[in-house]
Every structure is written in structure tokens, then in C-alpha cells.
Amino acid sequence: MTIPLIVLAALSILGGALGIPGAIGEHLHIRHFLGEWLAPIYPRGTTFEAPERVEWFLMLTSTAVAVFGAWLAYNRFYKRGVAADVALEKELPGLTRTLENKYYVDEFYGDVVVTPLERASQFLWRGIDALIDGLLALLGYTVALFGDLLRFFQTGNVRNYALMFFVGVIVFIWVLA
């Protein structure tokens, strides 16, 4: 886990160097590489540039929150070791249960996505697919039935074919009259 975190930290530093805020870049005379690179796709006047005091406030606030979180985690958990886990479980059993169950994301996903999809696919399989299979089987049986009936007319005898032709002409004239 250490190596991926080192890679992510290095990429974060690189990304931060590419997008140095104007509040720092102007004072150090550093160009905003990411902004210059993206400039061709943004027409003039469409990019948002925050006032310098807002940039400083956001930078200092986010840094203070990160430092405070690291300090709190170090003092609360790293220094105390396993005793911190036991203490946290006694103090906040609901939080530890939530963390142990991974914020119940799997249960939520199962209830919201998987279960409805399973029910829909069961309905499609047992209802719609059974209906389609039944209709196709009925069509197959009907074709087979007509084939069995027409087989009796296929004798290979020319006189029978002439008789069927004559009967067909009579029926055709009768229908038209």
C-alpha cells in the first residue's frame, strides 16, 4: 500500500505544480501551465478567476484542515495503537459498526441496484421469455401440423395433381363469382 500512496503523492505534487494558483504564481513569477494549456479551449472571459484573498483563504483553510486531521489521527490512533481501536469501539459503537460494514455501501447497492435488476430479469425470463417461447412453439407445431396434412396430398401421382388443380380452379371461380 505504501508504493501506490507514494505514486499518488508524487502525482499530486506534479498536478499542484502544473496548476499553481494565481496568488502564489504572480508573486513568484511562475506561469500557470495548466491554465495556459487549457486556454485554447476556453474563449476569453469564460474562465473563473477568484480574487487573491479568496485563493489565500481556501489554500490556508484546506492546509489547516489537512494538518489538523493528520495530527488528530497520529495522536488518537498511531501513538495508542490497538488500544485506540478498542476505545473508539466503546465510545462510538455505531461509528465502528458503520466502518466495519464499509458504510453499508454493499447493502445499499444490493437493495437499490441488484435486487430490482434480479426481479426484472426474473420477470422477463419467466414471463416474457416464456410467452415468446410458447408462441414460437405454437408456430412450430402449426407448421408441423400443416406439413403433416399436406403430406397426404403429395402422392407423386400426376392424376391426383390434375384433380387438385381442377378443384382449385373450381374453388377460385366460386370465390370470384
C-alpha atoms as a PDB file:
ATOM      1  CA  MET A   1       0.000   0.000   0.000  1.00  0.00           C
ATOM      2  CA  THR A   2       2.961   2.302   0.560  1.00  0.00           C
ATOM      3  CA  ILE A   3       4.116   2.345  -3.058  1.00  0.00           C
ATOM      4  CA  PRO A   4       0.715   3.333  -4.513  1.00  0.00           C
ATOM      5  CA  LEU A   5       0.454   6.105  -1.916  1.00  0.00           C
ATOM      6  CA  ILE A   6       3.909   7.381  -2.850  1.00  0.00           C
ATOM      7  CA  VAL A   7       2.934   7.390  -6.529  1.00  0.00           C
ATOM      8  CA  LEU A   8      -0.308   9.243  -5.745  1.00  0.00           C
ATOM      9  CA  ALA A   9       1.562  11.796  -3.619  1.00  0.00           C
ATOM     10  CA  ALA A  10       4.105  12.408  -6.381  1.00  0.00           C
ATOM     11  CA  LEU A  11       1.341  12.854  -8.954  1.00  0.00           C
ATOM     12  CA  SER A  12      -0.492  15.231  -6.599  1.00  0.00           C
ATOM     13  CA  ILE A  13       2.644  17.336  -6.227  1.00  0.00           C
ATOM     14  CA  LEU A  14       3.092  17.342 -10.003  1.00  0.00           C
ATOM     15  CA  GLY A  15      -0.561  18.297 -10.523  1.00  0.00           C
ATOM     16  CA  GLY A  16      -0.244  21.060  -7.964  1.00  0.00           C
ATOM     17  CA  ALA A  17       2.881  22.367  -9.681  1.00  0.00           C
ATOM     18  CA  LEU A  18       1.057  22.443 -13.007  1.00  0.00           C
ATOM     19  CA  GLY A  19      -1.850  24.398 -11.565  1.00  0.00           C
ATOM     20  CA  ILE A  20      -0.236  26.840  -9.151  1.00  0.00           C
ATOM     21  CA  PRO A  21      -2.860  29.357  -8.052  1.00  0.00           C
ATOM     22  CA  GLY A  22      -2.506  32.909  -9.249  1.00  0.00           C
ATOM     23  CA  ALA A  23      -1.995  34.175  -5.679  1.00  0.00           C
ATOM     24  CA  ILE A  24       1.313  32.315  -5.423  1.00  0.00           C
ATOM     25  CA  GLY A  25       2.334  32.318  -9.074  1.00  0.00           C
ATOM     26  CA  GLU A  26       2.149  36.091  -9.512  1.00  0.00           C
ATOM     27  CA  HIS A  27       4.407  36.765  -6.524  1.00  0.00           C
ATOM     28  CA  LEU A  28       6.956  34.132  -7.551  1.00  0.00           C
ATOM     29  CA  HIS A  29       6.637  34.928 -11.266  1.00  0.00           C
ATOM     30  CA  ILE A  30       5.636  31.330 -12.053  1.00  0.00           C
ATOM     31  CA  ARG A  31       3.409  30.599 -15.025  1.00  0.00           C
ATOM     32  CA  HIS A  32       0.161  28.675 -14.630  1.00  0.00           C
ATOM     33  CA  PHE A  33       0.995  25.801 -17.020  1.00  0.00           C
ATOM     34  CA  LEU A  34      -2.354  24.032 -16.732  1.00  0.00           C
ATOM     35  CA  GLY A  35      -4.279  27.256 -17.342  1.00  0.00           C
ATOM     36  CA  GLU A  36      -2.149  28.093 -20.379  1.00  0.00           C
ATOM     37  CA  TRP A  37      -2.543  24.583 -21.730  1.00  0.00           C
ATOM     38  CA  LEU A  38      -6.347  24.719 -21.417  1.00  0.00           C
ATOM     39  CA  ALA A  39      -6.634  28.329 -22.682  1.00  0.00           C
ATOM     40  CA  PRO A  40      -7.260  27.389 -26.345  1.00  0.00           C
ATOM     41  CA  ILE A  41     -10.456  25.524 -25.500  1.00  0.00           C
ATOM     42  CA  TYR A  42     -11.915  28.339 -23.372  1.00  0.00           C
ATOM     43  CA  PRO A  43     -12.952  31.586 -25.056  1.00  0.00           C
ATOM     44  CA  ARG A  44     -11.689  34.786 -23.436  1.00  0.00           C
ATOM     45  CA  GLY A  45     -13.614  35.810 -20.357  1.00  0.00           C
ATOM     46  CA  THR A  46     -15.216  32.415 -19.638  1.00  0.00           C
ATOM     47  CA  THR A  47     -12.731  31.177 -17.032  1.00  0.00           C
ATOM     48  CA  PHE A  48     -13.383  31.897 -13.384  1.00  0.00           C
ATOM     49  CA  GLU A  49     -10.576  33.642 -11.551  1.00  0.00           C
ATOM     50  CA  ALA A  50     -11.094  34.067  -7.832  1.00  0.00           C
ATOM     51  CA  PRO A  51      -9.834  37.170  -6.048  1.00  0.00           C
ATOM     52  CA  GLU A  52      -6.429  36.754  -4.445  1.00  0.00           C
ATOM     53  CA  ARG A  53      -7.783  36.870  -0.875  1.00  0.00           C
ATOM     54  CA  VAL A  54     -10.244  34.048  -1.658  1.00  0.00           C
ATOM     55  CA  GLU A  55      -7.429  31.915  -3.064  1.00  0.00           C
ATOM     56  CA  TRP A  56      -5.300  32.510   0.041  1.00  0.00           C
ATOM     57  CA  PHE A  57      -8.256  31.728   2.326  1.00  0.00           C
ATOM     58  CA  LEU A  58      -9.001  28.465   0.514  1.00  0.00           C
ATOM     59  CA  MET A  59      -5.339  27.413   0.445  1.00  0.00           C
ATOM     60  CA  LEU A  60      -4.785  28.137   4.146  1.00  0.00           C
ATOM     61  CA  THR A  61      -8.080  26.575   5.240  1.00  0.00           C
ATOM     62  CA  SER A  62      -7.550  23.346   3.302  1.00  0.00           C
ATOM     63  CA  THR A  63      -3.959  23.091   4.543  1.00  0.00           C
ATOM     64  CA  ALA A  64      -5.055  23.692   8.153  1.00  0.00           C
ATOM     65  CA  VAL A  65      -7.759  21.012   7.887  1.00  0.00           C
ATOM     66  CA  ALA A  66      -5.258  18.517   6.416  1.00  0.00           C
ATOM     67  CA  VAL A  67      -2.634  19.242   9.097  1.00  0.00           C
ATOM     68  CA  PHE A  68      -5.230  19.037  11.877  1.00  0.00           C
ATOM     69  CA  GLY A  69      -6.527  15.706  10.501  1.00  0.00           C
ATOM     70  CA  ALA A  70      -3.016  14.273  10.323  1.00  0.00           C
ATOM     71  CA  TRP A  71      -2.227  15.473  13.851  1.00  0.00           C
ATOM     72  CA  LEU A  72      -5.501  14.079  15.210  1.00  0.00           C
ATOM     73  CA  ALA A  73      -5.001  10.705  13.516  1.00  0.00           C
ATOM     74  CA  TYR A  74      -1.413  10.487  14.767  1.00  0.00           C
ATOM     75  CA  ASN A  75      -2.282  11.324  18.372  1.00  0.00           C
ATOM     76  CA  ARG A  76      -5.522   9.385  18.527  1.00  0.00           C
ATOM     77  CA  PHE A  77      -4.611   6.206  16.678  1.00  0.00           C
ATOM     78  CA  TYR A  78      -0.951   5.853  15.725  1.00  0.00           C
ATOM     79  CA  LYS A  79       0.506   6.591  19.168  1.00  0.00           C
ATOM     80  CA  ARG A  80      -2.035   4.452  21.012  1.00  0.00           C
ATOM     81  CA  GLY A  81      -2.170   1.503  18.593  1.00  0.00           C
ATOM     82  CA  VAL A  82      -4.787  -1.193  19.157  1.00  0.00           C
ATOM     83  CA  ALA A  83      -5.956   0.460  22.391  1.00  0.00           C
ATOM     84  CA  ALA A  84      -7.313   3.322  20.277  1.00  0.00           C
ATOM     85  CA  ASP A  85      -9.438   0.892  18.283  1.00  0.00           C
ATOM     86  CA  VAL A  86     -10.888  -0.645  21.436  1.00  0.00           C
ATOM     87  CA  ALA A  87     -11.555   2.786  22.927  1.00  0.00           C
ATOM     88  CA  LEU A  88     -13.233   4.010  19.765  1.00  0.00           C
ATOM     89  CA  GLU A  89     -15.431   0.921  19.699  1.00  0.00           C
ATOM     90  CA  LYS A  90     -16.533   1.594  23.288  1.00  0.00           C
ATOM     91  CA  GLU A  91     -17.087   5.316  22.710  1.00  0.00           C
ATOM     92  CA  LEU A  92     -18.795   5.151  19.315  1.00  0.00           C
ATOM     93  CA  PRO A  93     -20.152   1.657  18.637  1.00  0.00           C
ATOM     94  CA  GLY A  94     -22.393   2.899  15.814  1.00  0.00           C
ATOM     95  CA  LEU A  95     -19.457   4.500  14.001  1.00  0.00           C
ATOM     96  CA  THR A  96     -17.263   1.430  14.349  1.00  0.00           C
ATOM     97  CA  ARG A  97     -20.101  -0.808  13.121  1.00  0.00           C
ATOM     98  CA  THR A  98     -20.557   1.520  10.132  1.00  0.00           C
ATOM     99  CA  LEU A  99     -16.835   1.443   9.380  1.00  0.00           C
ATOM    100  CA  GLU A 100     -16.680  -2.343   9.742  1.00  0.00           C
ATOM    101  CA  ASN A 101     -19.559  -2.664   7.269  1.00  0.00           C
ATOM    102  CA  LYS A 102     -17.885  -0.266   4.806  1.00  0.00           C
ATOM    103  CA  TYR A 103     -20.535   2.434   5.236  1.00  0.00           C
ATOM    104  CA  TYR A 104     -23.165  -0.149   4.161  1.00  0.00           C
ATOM    105  CA  VAL A 105     -22.385   0.614   0.520  1.00  0.00           C
ATOM    106  CA  ASP A 106     -22.692  -3.061  -0.469  1.00  0.00           C
ATOM    107  CA  GLU A 107     -26.081  -3.375   1.222  1.00  0.00           C
ATOM    108  CA  PHE A 108     -27.320  -0.161  -0.374  1.00  0.00           C
ATOM    109  CA  TYR A 109     -26.086  -1.257  -3.803  1.00  0.00           C
ATOM    110  CA  GLY A 110     -27.691  -4.655  -3.339  1.00  0.00           C
ATOM    111  CA  ASP A 111     -31.051  -3.152  -2.327  1.00  0.00           C
ATOM    112  CA  VAL A 112     -31.118  -0.335  -4.892  1.00  0.00           C
ATOM    113  CA  VAL A 113     -29.447  -1.902  -7.932  1.00  0.00           C
ATOM    114  CA  VAL A 114     -29.002  -5.669  -7.694  1.00  0.00           C
ATOM    115  CA  THR A 115     -32.381  -6.704  -6.232  1.00  0.00           C
ATOM    116  CA  PRO A 116     -34.509  -4.684  -8.696  1.00  0.00           C
ATOM    117  CA  LEU A 117     -32.415  -5.971 -11.608  1.00  0.00           C
ATOM    118  CA  GLU A 118     -32.803  -9.549 -10.401  1.00  0.00           C
ATOM    119  CA  ARG A 119     -36.570  -9.125 -10.077  1.00  0.00           C
ATOM    120  CA  ALA A 120     -36.842  -7.519 -13.501  1.00  0.00           C
ATOM    121  CA  SER A 121     -34.761 -10.257 -15.106  1.00  0.00           C
ATOM    122  CA  GLN A 122     -36.817 -12.969 -13.346  1.00  0.00           C
ATOM    123  CA  PHE A 123     -39.990 -11.352 -14.710  1.00  0.00           C
ATOM    124  CA  LEU A 124     -38.528 -11.118 -18.199  1.00  0.00           C
ATOM    125  CA  TRP A 125     -37.269 -14.694 -18.053  1.00  0.00           C
ATOM    126  CA  ARG A 126     -40.349 -16.344 -16.561  1.00  0.00           C
ATOM    127  CA  GLY A 127     -42.998 -14.056 -18.042  1.00  0.00           C
ATOM    128  CA  ILE A 128     -41.943 -12.547 -21.330  1.00  0.00           C
ATOM    129  CA  ASP A 129     -39.485 -15.236 -22.402  1.00  0.00           C
ATOM    130  CA  ALA A 130     -41.986 -17.990 -21.556  1.00  0.00           C
ATOM    131  CA  LEU A 131     -44.616 -16.189 -23.636  1.00  0.00           C
ATOM    132  CA  ILE A 132     -42.242 -15.834 -26.583  1.00  0.00           C
ATOM    133  CA  ASP A 133     -41.134 -19.468 -26.273  1.00  0.00           C
ATOM    134  CA  GLY A 134     -44.767 -20.583 -26.119  1.00  0.00           C
ATOM    135  CA  LEU A 135     -45.716 -18.569 -29.212  1.00  0.00           C
ATOM    136  CA  LEU A 136     -42.743 -19.893 -31.154  1.00  0.00           C
ATOM    137  CA  ALA A 137     -43.501 -23.468 -30.070  1.00  0.00           C
ATOM    138  CA  LEU A 138     -47.140 -22.981 -31.184  1.00  0.00           C
ATOM    139  CA  LEU A 139     -45.909 -21.672 -34.535  1.00  0.00           C
ATOM    140  CA  GLY A 140     -43.639 -24.702 -34.889  1.00  0.00           C
ATOM    141  CA  TYR A 141     -46.452 -27.115 -34.043  1.00  0.00           C
ATOM    142  CA  THR A 142     -48.765 -25.350 -36.512  1.00  0.00           C
ATOM    143  CA  VAL A 143     -46.206 -25.621 -39.318  1.00  0.00           C
ATOM    144  CA  ALA A 144     -45.628 -29.285 -38.475  1.00  0.00           C
ATOM    145  CA  LEU A 145     -49.406 -29.936 -38.468  1.00  0.00           C
ATOM    146  CA  PHE A 146     -49.879 -28.318 -41.876  1.00  0.00           C
ATOM    147  CA  GLY A 147     -46.887 -30.242 -43.159  1.00  0.00           C
ATOM    148  CA  ASP A 148     -48.404 -33.498 -41.938  1.00  0.00           C
ATOM    149  CA  LEU A 149     -51.741 -32.634 -43.579  1.00  0.00           C
ATOM    150  CA  LEU A 150     -50.194 -31.562 -46.885  1.00  0.00           C
ATOM    151  CA  ARG A 151     -48.068 -34.700 -46.968  1.00  0.00           C
ATOM    152  CA  PHE A 152     -51.154 -36.733 -47.812  1.00  0.00           C
ATOM    153  CA  PHE A 153     -51.662 -34.676 -50.976  1.00  0.00           C
ATOM    154  CA  GLN A 154     -48.127 -35.296 -52.198  1.00  0.00           C
ATOM    155  CA  THR A 155     -48.595 -38.737 -53.721  1.00  0.00           C
ATOM    156  CA  GLY A 156     -46.393 -38.421 -56.798  1.00  0.00           C
ATOM    157  CA  ASN A 157     -49.378 -39.406 -58.981  1.00  0.00           C
ATOM    158  CA  VAL A 158     -49.987 -36.932 -61.851  1.00  0.00           C
ATOM    159  CA  ARG A 159     -53.741 -37.683 -61.946  1.00  0.00           C
ATOM    160  CA  ASN A 160     -54.087 -36.614 -58.307  1.00  0.00           C
ATOM    161  CA  TYR A 161     -52.238 -33.358 -59.079  1.00  0.00           C
ATOM    162  CA  ALA A 162     -54.517 -32.679 -62.049  1.00  0.00           C
ATOM    163  CA  LEU A 163     -57.564 -33.334 -59.846  1.00  0.00           C
ATOM    164  CA  MET A 164     -56.266 -30.910 -57.191  1.00  0.00           C
ATOM    165  CA  PHE A 165     -55.617 -28.313 -59.886  1.00  0.00           C
ATOM    166  CA  PHE A 166     -59.158 -28.738 -61.214  1.00  0.00           C
ATOM    167  CA  VAL A 167     -60.664 -28.471 -57.703  1.00  0.00           C
ATOM    168  CA  GLY A 168     -58.558 -25.331 -57.099  1.00  0.00           C
ATOM    169  CA  VAL A 169     -59.845 -23.704 -60.311  1.00  0.00           C
ATOM    170  CA  ILE A 170     -63.460 -24.504 -59.352  1.00  0.00           C
ATOM    171  CA  VAL A 171     -62.951 -23.026 -55.847  1.00  0.00           C
ATOM    172  CA  PHE A 172     -61.275 -19.945 -57.371  1.00  0.00           C
ATOM    173  CA  ILE A 173     -64.203 -19.353 -59.801  1.00  0.00           C
ATOM    174  CA  TRP A 174     -66.692 -19.952 -56.994  1.00  0.00           C
ATOM    175  CA  VAL A 175     -64.946 -17.372 -54.754  1.00  0.00           C
ATOM    176  CA  LEU A 176     -64.863 -14.753 -57.534  1.00  0.00           C
ATOM    177  CA  ALA A 177     -68.489 -15.245 -58.568  1.00  0.00           C
END
